[in-house]
Protein backbone atom coordinates (compact mmCIF):
# COMPACT_ATOMS: atom_id res chain seq x y z
CA MET A 1 -0.15 -0.34 0.15
CA GLY A 2 1.23 3.43 -0.77
CA GLY A 3 4.01 2.23 -3.13
CA LYS A 4 5.60 3.72 -6.31
CA ARG A 5 2.69 2.48 -8.62
CA ASP A 6 0.05 4.13 -6.57
CA LYS A 7 2.18 7.52 -6.21
CA HIS A 8 2.73 7.64 -10.05
CA ALA A 9 -1.08 7.05 -10.69
CA TYR A 10 -1.84 9.66 -8.17
CA VAL A 11 0.19 12.04 -9.74
CA ALA A 12 -0.93 11.41 -13.40
CA ALA A 13 -4.02 11.55 -12.55
CA LEU A 14 -3.62 15.11 -10.41
CA LYS A 15 -2.00 16.34 -14.00
CA ALA A 16 -4.35 15.19 -16.31
CA TYR A 17 -7.32 17.08 -13.97
CA ASN A 18 -5.31 19.80 -14.18
CA ALA A 19 -4.99 19.87 -17.77
CA TYR A 20 -8.77 20.00 -17.96
CA ALA A 21 -10.12 21.90 -15.03
CA ASN A 22 -10.33 25.28 -16.53
CA LYS A 23 -11.59 23.87 -19.68
CA LEU A 24 -14.46 21.84 -18.26
CA ASN A 25 -15.41 24.62 -15.76
CA GLN A 26 -15.77 27.08 -18.60
CA ALA A 27 -17.58 24.35 -20.63
CA GLU A 28 -20.10 23.91 -17.56
CA HIS A 29 -20.43 27.63 -17.49
CA ILE A 30 -21.50 28.07 -21.19
CA ALA A 31 -23.63 25.17 -20.88
CA ARG A 32 -25.74 26.35 -18.40
CA GLU A 33 -26.07 29.67 -20.06
CA SER A 34 -27.16 27.92 -23.05
CA ASN A 35 -29.88 25.63 -21.32
CA VAL A 36 -28.05 22.60 -22.57
CA ALA A 37 -29.71 19.68 -21.13
CA ASP A 38 -26.83 17.07 -20.71
CA ILE A 39 -23.44 19.15 -19.44
CA ASP A 40 -21.58 15.53 -19.26
CA ILE A 41 -21.80 15.27 -23.19
CA VAL A 42 -20.36 18.60 -23.60
CA LYS A 43 -17.49 17.88 -21.34
CA SER A 44 -16.99 14.63 -22.87
CA GLY A 45 -16.63 16.35 -26.35
CA VAL A 46 -14.40 19.36 -24.81
CA ILE A 47 -12.21 16.14 -23.65
CA SER A 48 -12.23 15.20 -27.17
CA ARG A 49 -10.64 18.15 -28.08
CA TYR A 50 -13.82 19.71 -29.64
CA PRO A 51 -14.34 23.15 -29.71
CA ILE A 52 -16.99 24.43 -26.64
CA ASN A 53 -19.39 26.36 -28.88
CA GLU A 54 -19.35 22.98 -31.22
CA ALA A 55 -19.90 20.97 -27.77
CA THR A 56 -22.96 22.68 -26.74
CA LEU A 57 -24.45 22.56 -30.39
CA ASN A 58 -24.47 18.90 -29.92
CA LYS A 59 -22.83 18.59 -33.15
CA LYS A 60 -21.97 14.91 -33.89
CA PHE A 61 -18.49 14.16 -33.07
CA ASN A 62 -17.20 12.22 -35.50
CA ARG A 63 -14.86 14.28 -37.30
CA ARG A 64 -11.95 12.18 -36.92
């Protein structure tokens, strides 16, 4: 318990959170202003590297 792997996993999770925290907060704020029904879909679009405006318009996330 509390070994190197746990520490590395924690650090990786913290870095991932910090990388997306501001953008996800911004997306949630814009989604609430736009009366979007499912904010989690907007957030998943943002994590998938779509612009917030496309994610709030609920465009199909299939550009790849």
